[in-house]
Amino acid sequence: MDKAKKIRPAVGIANRTDPYLAFGTTRVENDAFWRWGDDNLFPLALALMARRSTTHRRIINDKADYISGKGFTCDESREPRLAAFIRRVNGEGESLRQLLNKLAFDKALFGNAFLEAVTDPGHTFLALYHQDATRCRVARDSRHILLHHDWSAFRPEEARTLPLYPLFEEQADGTLRTAIHYKDYEPAFEHYGVPPYIAGLNVSAIAYKTDRWNISRLDNSFQLSGVMMLDSSADSEADAERIVRLAERKFAGNPGQVMFVIREGGEDDNSRFIPIASQNEGDWKSLHEQATSDIVVAHSWFRTLSGLDYSSGFSAERILHEYEVALNTVILAEQAELTEPVRAVIAAVLGLDTTSLEIINRPPTRSKPIYMKVWEARKADGLDYDPEDPRQQAFLSEISKYNITSIG
């Protein structure tokens, strides 16, 4: 038998589900909508990536929580209907804060978010609903949004259509509905926004894959990778595959760690394992740490606000400082972008004055400057306050443990 035919290479490799690869390889073209990614499944790839990269997901969660704040406040004495509305914005019992949190999450993850507003011809009510961004696509006329439950198997008759705000259209149930499309601007992208971390996709992939590398080492009990040479006879590819699977269960631990090669055996069994030594643990650790730092930068975010410590250790002062910077550079701007259309819809449909509507922002640690007055501190915490109350005119320093009575 020819020597080339005696060796049957068969590789036992773990299932490498990589969320950083495009789901489809076929370019999608459709006259009904503008595709989101070449295969129209880019949002699903981003969602899968967020579920598998630890730091990446933590940043998205934290940004959504900080942007949605601790709730809303308004002048209830002037607008009691507005106060009631922010406590319950739809038939599912969601508050405005819960709704804003979902919008902020989608915006941070996809660079896009969708909000549906529902009313009737008489404008007797208003309901606001978050729509999952993975279910939404922009229609070809660029004036409507299409909602479908599965874009990998799109059927026009199963899609629901909503006009883009400020257009309202009557639906089959007699209600008037519209959709607000939030999107992050990016040159050359007209129909959809681009997530802010787009430049960090590769480093997010590095962090994910280094995590997977550590998991595979743990599953394999930190045994060396290598090549298993098996002396055996295999009359067909099916027999070779069966022998490999049997050897995997007996020898391999994690099948991704060992390559199996079957060769025609002689009288003596010369099966052996050839280890492949690795001395790159330090390089992998440094690579993972660098990737984590780059992810934070790509998100335009801050280490301490995502649970990442510094080499110098925990510092409440650093947390407060970074929160203050994030508040003035990211949080307030995102809050304004998300709430401005909501204010406009509330004013147009319900005719309410939304000037007193504010988001309550609180730092992750409680610390206020000692020169702040009590009523100012209560206002910052979303509590009842009265600037005319003499008891609330005192400085925090006067009631703090420092008891500083003179501020010069």
Protein backbone atom coordinates (compact mmCIF):
# COMPACT_ATOMS: atom_id res chain seq x y z
CA MET A 1 0.00 0.00 0.00
CA ASP A 2 1.22 3.45 -0.85
CA LYS A 3 2.58 5.32 2.15
CA ALA A 4 0.39 8.34 1.43
CA LYS A 5 -2.66 6.09 1.77
CA LYS A 6 -1.56 4.59 5.06
CA ILE A 7 -2.03 7.80 7.04
CA ARG A 8 -5.58 9.01 7.59
CA PRO A 9 -5.57 12.42 9.28
CA ALA A 10 -8.69 13.00 11.36
CA VAL A 11 -8.86 15.97 13.65
CA GLY A 12 -11.00 16.10 16.80
CA ILE A 13 -11.72 19.80 17.33
CA ALA A 14 -14.09 21.40 19.80
CA ASN A 15 -17.10 23.25 18.45
CA ARG A 16 -15.77 26.78 17.93
CA THR A 17 -18.86 28.94 17.87
CA ASP A 18 -17.43 32.36 17.11
CA PRO A 19 -19.85 35.28 17.54
CA TYR A 20 -17.44 37.60 15.78
CA LEU A 21 -18.00 35.96 12.40
CA ALA A 22 -20.92 37.07 10.25
CA PHE A 23 -23.93 34.78 10.56
CA GLY A 24 -24.51 34.51 6.84
CA THR A 25 -22.25 34.45 3.83
CA THR A 26 -24.87 35.55 1.33
CA ARG A 27 -25.49 39.18 0.59
CA VAL A 28 -29.15 39.98 1.13
CA GLU A 29 -31.03 42.26 -1.24
CA ASN A 30 -34.71 43.07 -0.77
CA ASP A 31 -36.99 45.77 -2.14
CA ALA A 32 -38.98 45.93 1.11
CA PHE A 33 -36.26 47.11 3.51
CA TRP A 34 -32.71 48.36 3.87
CA ARG A 35 -30.50 45.51 5.07
CA TRP A 36 -28.66 45.83 8.38
CA GLY A 37 -25.31 44.27 7.52
CA ASP A 38 -24.60 42.30 4.35
CA ASP A 39 -26.61 39.31 5.58
CA ASN A 40 -29.16 41.57 7.34
CA LEU A 41 -28.34 39.83 10.65
CA PHE A 42 -25.68 42.18 12.01
CA PRO A 43 -27.75 43.05 15.15
CA LEU A 44 -27.96 39.35 16.05
CA ALA A 45 -24.18 39.04 15.76
CA LEU A 46 -23.73 42.07 18.04
CA ALA A 47 -26.20 40.62 20.57
CA LEU A 48 -24.38 37.28 20.59
CA MET A 49 -21.05 39.02 21.03
CA ALA A 50 -22.41 40.94 24.03
CA ARG A 51 -23.53 37.67 25.62
CA ARG A 52 -20.06 36.15 25.39
CA SER A 53 -17.62 38.93 26.22
CA THR A 54 -17.58 39.66 29.96
CA THR A 55 -16.17 43.18 30.04
CA HIS A 56 -18.02 44.24 26.90
CA ARG A 57 -21.36 43.16 28.40
CA ARG A 58 -20.63 44.78 31.76
CA ILE A 59 -19.94 48.14 30.11
CA ILE A 60 -23.18 47.99 28.11
CA ASN A 61 -25.18 47.11 31.24
CA ASP A 62 -23.58 49.88 33.29
CA LYS A 63 -23.98 52.53 30.60
CA ALA A 64 -27.68 51.69 30.33
CA ASP A 65 -28.11 51.87 34.11
CA TYR A 66 -26.30 55.18 34.47
CA ILE A 67 -28.12 56.75 31.51
CA SER A 68 -31.55 55.70 32.80
CA GLY A 69 -30.62 57.08 36.22
CA LYS A 70 -32.59 56.39 39.38
CA GLY A 71 -35.94 57.41 37.94
CA PHE A 72 -37.77 60.58 36.92
CA THR A 73 -39.01 63.53 38.89
CA CYS A 74 -41.39 66.35 37.98
CA ASP A 75 -43.47 69.08 39.58
CA GLU A 76 -46.40 66.92 40.64
CA SER A 77 -48.36 69.87 42.02
CA ARG A 78 -48.45 71.48 38.57
CA GLU A 79 -48.71 68.39 36.39
CA PRO A 80 -50.26 65.47 38.34
CA ARG A 81 -51.09 63.71 35.04
CA LEU A 82 -47.44 63.82 34.07
CA ALA A 83 -46.42 62.31 37.40
CA ALA A 84 -48.95 59.52 36.91
CA PHE A 85 -47.72 58.92 33.36
CA ILE A 86 -44.04 58.51 34.29
CA ARG A 87 -45.06 55.89 36.84
CA ARG A 88 -46.95 53.88 34.19
CA VAL A 89 -46.27 54.51 30.50
CA ASN A 90 -48.00 51.48 28.96
CA GLY A 91 -50.44 48.66 29.53
CA GLU A 92 -47.63 46.38 30.73
CA GLY A 93 -47.16 48.53 33.81
CA GLU A 94 -43.68 49.76 32.92
CA SER A 95 -42.40 53.03 34.33
CA LEU A 96 -40.66 55.63 32.21
CA ARG A 97 -37.39 54.70 33.87
CA GLN A 98 -37.78 51.02 32.90
CA LEU A 99 -38.58 52.03 29.35
CA LEU A 100 -35.60 54.38 29.16
CA ASN A 101 -33.30 51.63 30.47
CA LYS A 102 -34.24 49.34 27.57
CA LEU A 103 -33.73 52.13 25.06
CA ALA A 104 -30.35 53.01 26.57
CA PHE A 105 -29.31 49.34 26.50
CA ASP A 106 -30.17 48.98 22.80
CA LYS A 107 -28.48 52.27 21.99
CA ALA A 108 -25.27 51.20 23.75
CA LEU A 109 -25.32 47.74 22.16
CA PHE A 110 -26.53 48.40 18.61
CA GLY A 111 -26.11 52.14 18.14
CA ASN A 112 -29.86 52.06 17.40
CA ALA A 113 -33.04 51.97 19.49
CA PHE A 114 -36.73 51.94 18.63
CA LEU A 115 -39.68 53.35 20.58
CA GLU A 116 -43.33 52.86 19.64
CA ALA A 117 -45.95 55.46 20.64
CA VAL A 118 -49.66 54.58 20.67
CA THR A 119 -52.68 56.89 20.94
CA ASP A 120 -56.16 57.29 19.45
CA PRO A 121 -57.69 59.90 17.10
CA GLY A 122 -58.98 61.88 20.09
CA HIS A 123 -55.61 61.81 21.89
CA THR A 124 -57.33 60.56 25.02
CA PHE A 125 -54.34 58.41 26.05
CA LEU A 126 -50.69 57.76 25.29
CA ALA A 127 -48.71 54.52 25.64
CA LEU A 128 -45.00 54.06 24.98
CA TYR A 129 -43.45 50.67 24.14
CA HIS A 130 -39.85 49.63 23.59
CA GLN A 131 -39.27 47.57 20.46
CA ASP A 132 -36.38 45.09 20.31
CA ALA A 133 -33.88 46.53 17.81
CA THR A 134 -33.09 43.07 16.41
CA ARG A 135 -36.71 42.87 15.17
CA CYS A 136 -36.70 46.25 13.40
CA ARG A 137 -35.57 47.28 9.93
CA VAL A 138 -35.96 50.53 7.99
CA ALA A 139 -38.36 50.23 5.06
CA ARG A 140 -37.22 51.13 1.57
CA ASP A 141 -39.20 54.38 1.59
CA SER A 142 -37.17 55.44 4.67
CA ARG A 143 -40.43 56.64 6.24
CA HIS A 144 -41.50 53.39 7.94
CA ILE A 145 -40.13 50.70 10.23
CA LEU A 146 -40.78 47.01 9.57
CA LEU A 147 -41.06 44.66 12.55
CA HIS A 148 -40.54 40.92 12.02
CA HIS A 149 -39.90 38.09 14.47
CA ASP A 150 -37.26 36.29 12.36
CA TRP A 151 -35.26 38.19 9.75
CA SER A 152 -33.42 35.05 8.66
CA ALA A 153 -36.76 33.89 7.23
CA PHE A 154 -38.47 37.15 6.32
CA ARG A 155 -42.01 36.96 4.99
CA PRO A 156 -43.66 40.31 4.10
CA GLU A 157 -47.12 39.16 5.14
CA GLU A 158 -45.86 38.49 8.67
CA ALA A 159 -44.25 41.93 9.10
CA ARG A 160 -45.84 44.86 10.89
CA THR A 161 -45.34 48.41 9.61
CA LEU A 162 -45.03 51.57 11.68
CA PRO A 163 -44.50 55.10 10.34
CA LEU A 164 -41.52 57.08 11.57
CA TYR A 165 -42.23 59.96 13.92
CA PRO A 166 -43.76 62.55 13.54
CA LEU A 167 -46.08 60.59 11.20
CA PHE A 168 -48.92 58.67 12.83
CA GLU A 169 -50.90 56.04 10.94
CA GLU A 170 -54.12 54.27 11.87
CA GLN A 171 -53.76 50.56 12.58
CA ALA A 172 -56.24 47.69 12.28
CA ASP A 173 -57.28 48.09 15.92
CA GLY A 174 -58.21 51.74 15.36
CA THR A 175 -55.22 53.19 17.23
CA LEU A 176 -52.72 55.69 15.86
CA ARG A 177 -49.12 54.55 16.09
CA THR A 178 -45.66 55.86 15.28
CA ALA A 179 -42.06 54.75 15.79
CA ILE A 180 -39.10 56.79 16.97
CA HIS A 181 -35.75 55.61 15.62
CA TYR A 182 -32.70 56.60 17.66
CA LYS A 183 -29.39 56.11 15.87
CA ASP A 184 -25.76 57.09 16.42
CA TYR A 185 -24.41 59.10 13.51
CA GLU A 186 -21.66 57.57 11.41
CA PRO A 187 -20.40 58.87 8.04
CA ALA A 188 -21.48 56.71 5.07
CA PHE A 189 -24.22 55.03 7.13
CA GLU A 190 -27.58 56.60 6.35
CA HIS A 191 -30.27 54.15 7.41
CA TYR A 192 -28.83 52.70 10.63
CA GLY A 193 -26.54 53.97 13.34
CA VAL A 194 -23.24 52.34 14.24
CA PRO A 195 -22.46 51.22 17.82
CA PRO A 196 -19.97 53.49 19.59
CA TYR A 197 -17.54 50.62 20.21
CA ILE A 198 -17.28 49.68 16.52
CA ALA A 199 -13.52 50.26 16.54
CA GLY A 200 -13.19 47.82 19.44
CA LEU A 201 -14.78 44.76 17.83
CA ASN A 202 -11.41 43.11 17.30
CA VAL A 203 -10.18 43.69 20.85
CA SER A 204 -13.50 42.40 22.16
CA ALA A 205 -12.85 39.27 20.10
CA ILE A 206 -9.42 38.95 21.70
CA ALA A 207 -10.89 39.15 25.21
CA TYR A 208 -13.52 36.56 24.32
CA LYS A 209 -11.03 34.16 22.77
CA THR A 210 -8.52 34.43 25.62
CA ASP A 211 -11.35 33.57 28.00
CA ARG A 212 -12.18 30.56 25.85
CA TRP A 213 -8.52 29.54 25.85
CA ASN A 214 -8.44 29.52 29.64
CA ILE A 215 -11.69 27.56 29.79
CA SER A 216 -10.37 24.93 27.38
CA ARG A 217 -7.21 24.57 29.49
CA LEU A 218 -9.33 24.11 32.61
CA ASP A 219 -11.60 21.57 30.90
CA ASN A 220 -8.52 19.67 29.82
CA SER A 221 -7.07 19.72 33.37
CA PHE A 222 -4.22 21.89 32.08
CA GLN A 223 -2.81 18.94 30.11
CA LEU A 224 -0.57 19.69 27.18
CA SER A 225 -1.94 19.87 23.69
CA GLY A 226 -0.49 17.54 21.17
CA VAL A 227 -0.89 14.93 18.41
CA MET A 228 -2.14 11.41 19.13
CA MET A 229 -0.74 8.89 16.65
CA LEU A 230 -3.00 5.83 16.55
CA ASP A 231 -2.01 2.53 14.98
CA SER A 232 -5.25 1.14 13.64
CA SER A 233 -6.92 -0.07 10.53
CA ALA A 234 -9.73 1.95 8.98
CA ASP A 235 -11.38 0.83 5.80
CA SER A 236 -13.40 3.99 5.38
CA GLU A 237 -13.72 7.56 6.54
CA ALA A 238 -16.63 6.50 8.76
CA ASP A 239 -14.42 3.94 10.52
CA ALA A 240 -11.70 6.56 10.99
CA GLU A 241 -14.22 8.98 12.45
CA ARG A 242 -15.54 6.29 14.84
CA ILE A 243 -12.02 5.48 16.07
CA VAL A 244 -11.26 9.16 16.64
CA ARG A 245 -14.43 9.67 18.69
CA LEU A 246 -13.66 6.63 20.84
CA ALA A 247 -10.13 7.93 21.44
CA GLU A 248 -11.45 11.39 22.27
CA ARG A 249 -13.68 10.05 25.01
CA LYS A 250 -10.85 8.02 26.49
CA PHE A 251 -7.83 10.29 26.13
CA ALA A 252 -8.63 13.81 25.07
CA GLY A 253 -10.48 15.56 27.89
CA ASN A 254 -11.45 18.59 25.79
CA PRO A 255 -11.40 17.38 22.18
CA GLY A 256 -10.12 20.75 21.06
CA GLN A 257 -6.73 20.06 22.65
CA VAL A 258 -5.66 16.99 20.68
CA MET A 259 -5.23 16.18 17.02
CA PHE A 260 -5.70 12.50 16.13
CA VAL A 261 -3.86 10.88 13.24
CA ILE A 262 -4.73 7.30 12.25
CA ARG A 263 -2.15 5.32 10.38
CA GLU A 264 -2.07 1.72 9.19
CA GLY A 265 -0.79 -0.39 12.06
CA GLY A 266 1.79 -3.12 11.85
CA GLU A 267 2.40 -6.11 14.10
CA ASP A 268 3.48 -3.87 16.98
CA ASP A 269 1.30 -1.09 18.36
CA ASN A 270 3.29 2.13 18.07
CA SER A 271 0.51 4.46 19.13
CA ARG A 272 1.92 7.44 20.98
CA PHE A 273 1.13 10.96 22.08
CA ILE A 274 3.39 13.76 20.87
CA PRO A 275 3.02 16.79 23.20
CA ILE A 276 3.19 20.34 21.92
CA ALA A 277 4.71 22.44 24.65
CA SER A 278 3.52 26.02 25.14
CA GLN A 279 5.42 28.76 26.92
CA ASN A 280 3.11 31.65 26.10
CA GLU A 281 0.96 31.93 29.24
CA GLY A 282 2.40 35.35 30.07
CA ASP A 283 1.80 36.64 26.58
CA TRP A 284 -1.84 35.55 26.69
CA LYS A 285 -2.39 37.22 30.05
CA SER A 286 -0.92 40.50 28.83
CA LEU A 287 -2.94 40.26 25.65
CA HIS A 288 -6.16 39.79 27.64
CA GLU A 289 -5.40 42.74 29.93
CA GLN A 290 -4.57 45.00 26.98
CA ALA A 291 -7.77 43.95 25.20
CA THR A 292 -9.84 44.74 28.30
CA SER A 293 -8.34 48.23 28.52
CA ASP A 294 -8.96 48.81 24.81
CA ILE A 295 -12.61 47.75 25.15
CA VAL A 296 -13.14 50.42 27.81
CA VAL A 297 -11.57 53.04 25.55
CA ALA A 298 -13.63 51.95 22.54
CA HIS A 299 -16.82 52.39 24.57
CA SER A 300 -15.75 55.90 25.64
CA TRP A 301 -16.23 54.69 29.18
CA PHE A 302 -14.30 54.44 32.46
CA ARG A 303 -12.68 51.52 34.27
CA THR A 304 -14.03 52.08 37.77
CA LEU A 305 -17.61 52.53 36.54
CA SER A 306 -17.49 48.99 35.13
CA GLY A 307 -16.01 47.21 38.11
CA LEU A 308 -12.46 47.19 36.75
CA ASP A 309 -9.91 48.08 39.39
CA TYR A 310 -6.60 49.88 39.05
CA SER A 311 -3.27 48.50 40.16
CA SER A 312 -3.31 50.99 43.02
CA GLY A 313 -6.54 49.46 44.37
CA PHE A 314 -10.01 50.75 45.22
CA SER A 315 -10.53 54.49 45.49
CA ALA A 316 -13.91 56.11 46.20
CA GLU A 317 -12.47 59.46 45.17
CA ARG A 318 -11.48 58.10 41.75
CA ILE A 319 -14.95 56.57 41.28
CA LEU A 320 -16.62 59.90 42.04
CA HIS A 321 -14.22 61.75 39.75
CA GLU A 322 -14.78 59.37 36.83
CA TYR A 323 -18.53 59.45 37.39
CA GLU A 324 -18.47 63.25 37.23
CA VAL A 325 -16.54 63.13 33.96
CA ALA A 326 -18.86 60.44 32.54
CA LEU A 327 -21.90 62.45 33.61
CA ASN A 328 -20.79 65.54 31.74
CA THR A 329 -19.34 63.81 28.66
CA VAL A 330 -21.61 60.79 28.06
CA ILE A 331 -24.56 60.39 30.42
CA LEU A 332 -26.25 63.80 30.16
CA ALA A 333 -25.88 63.89 26.38
CA GLU A 334 -27.43 60.43 25.98
CA GLN A 335 -30.22 61.30 28.39
CA ALA A 336 -31.07 64.40 26.40
CA GLU A 337 -31.06 62.49 23.11
CA LEU A 338 -33.36 59.75 24.44
CA THR A 339 -35.81 61.99 26.31
CA GLU A 340 -36.26 64.85 23.83
CA PRO A 341 -38.55 62.85 21.48
CA VAL A 342 -40.42 61.48 24.51
CA ARG A 343 -41.05 65.01 25.77
CA ALA A 344 -42.24 66.04 22.32
CA VAL A 345 -44.69 63.12 22.06
CA ILE A 346 -46.06 63.74 25.57
CA ALA A 347 -46.57 67.43 24.80
CA ALA A 348 -48.13 66.81 21.36
CA VAL A 349 -50.47 63.99 22.36
CA LEU A 350 -51.38 64.76 25.97
CA GLY A 351 -50.75 68.49 25.91
CA LEU A 352 -48.69 68.37 29.11
CA ASP A 353 -45.87 70.70 30.11
CA THR A 354 -42.71 68.58 30.41
CA THR A 355 -40.27 71.34 31.41
CA SER A 356 -40.14 70.03 34.99
CA LEU A 357 -39.45 66.45 33.90
CA GLU A 358 -35.92 65.48 34.97
CA ILE A 359 -33.86 62.32 35.39
CA ILE A 360 -32.48 61.67 38.88
CA ASN A 361 -28.73 61.09 38.64
CA ARG A 362 -26.80 59.74 41.60
CA PRO A 363 -23.14 58.73 41.80
CA PRO A 364 -22.32 55.11 42.66
CA THR A 365 -20.99 56.26 46.04
CA ARG A 366 -22.63 58.85 48.27
CA SER A 367 -20.41 61.85 48.66
CA LYS A 368 -21.30 65.50 48.20
CA PRO A 369 -19.20 68.63 48.53
CA ILE A 370 -19.30 70.12 52.01
CA TYR A 371 -20.21 73.54 50.59
CA MET A 372 -23.54 72.20 49.21
CA LYS A 373 -26.68 73.23 51.07
CA VAL A 374 -29.11 70.68 52.46
CA TRP A 375 -31.89 71.56 50.00
CA GLU A 376 -29.47 71.24 47.09
CA ALA A 377 -28.39 67.80 48.30
CA ARG A 378 -32.01 66.69 48.70
CA LYS A 379 -32.77 67.90 45.17
CA ALA A 380 -29.78 65.99 43.77
CA ASP A 381 -31.07 62.81 45.46
CA GLY A 382 -34.58 63.24 44.08
CA LEU A 383 -36.08 63.98 47.50
CA ASP A 384 -38.57 66.68 48.47
CA TYR A 385 -36.82 69.99 49.02
CA ASP A 386 -37.71 73.55 49.96
CA PRO A 387 -35.18 76.31 49.28
CA GLU A 388 -37.16 78.59 51.62
CA ASP A 389 -36.98 76.24 54.59
CA PRO A 390 -34.45 77.69 57.09
CA ARG A 391 -33.45 74.19 58.20
CA GLN A 392 -32.45 73.35 54.62
CA GLN A 393 -30.29 76.45 54.28
CA ALA A 394 -27.48 74.87 56.30
CA PHE A 395 -24.34 73.68 54.55
CA LEU A 396 -23.58 69.98 54.62
CA SER A 397 -20.38 70.82 56.45
CA GLU A 398 -22.46 72.02 59.40
CA ILE A 399 -24.15 68.66 59.82
CA SER A 400 -21.27 66.42 58.77
CA LYS A 401 -18.76 64.71 60.98
CA TYR A 402 -16.25 67.44 60.13
CA ASN A 403 -18.55 70.14 61.56
CA ILE A 404 -16.87 72.92 59.61
CA THR A 405 -18.80 76.11 60.31
CA SER A 406 -16.77 78.53 58.23
CA ILE A 407 -16.29 78.20 54.49
CA GLY A 408 -13.98 80.79 53.07
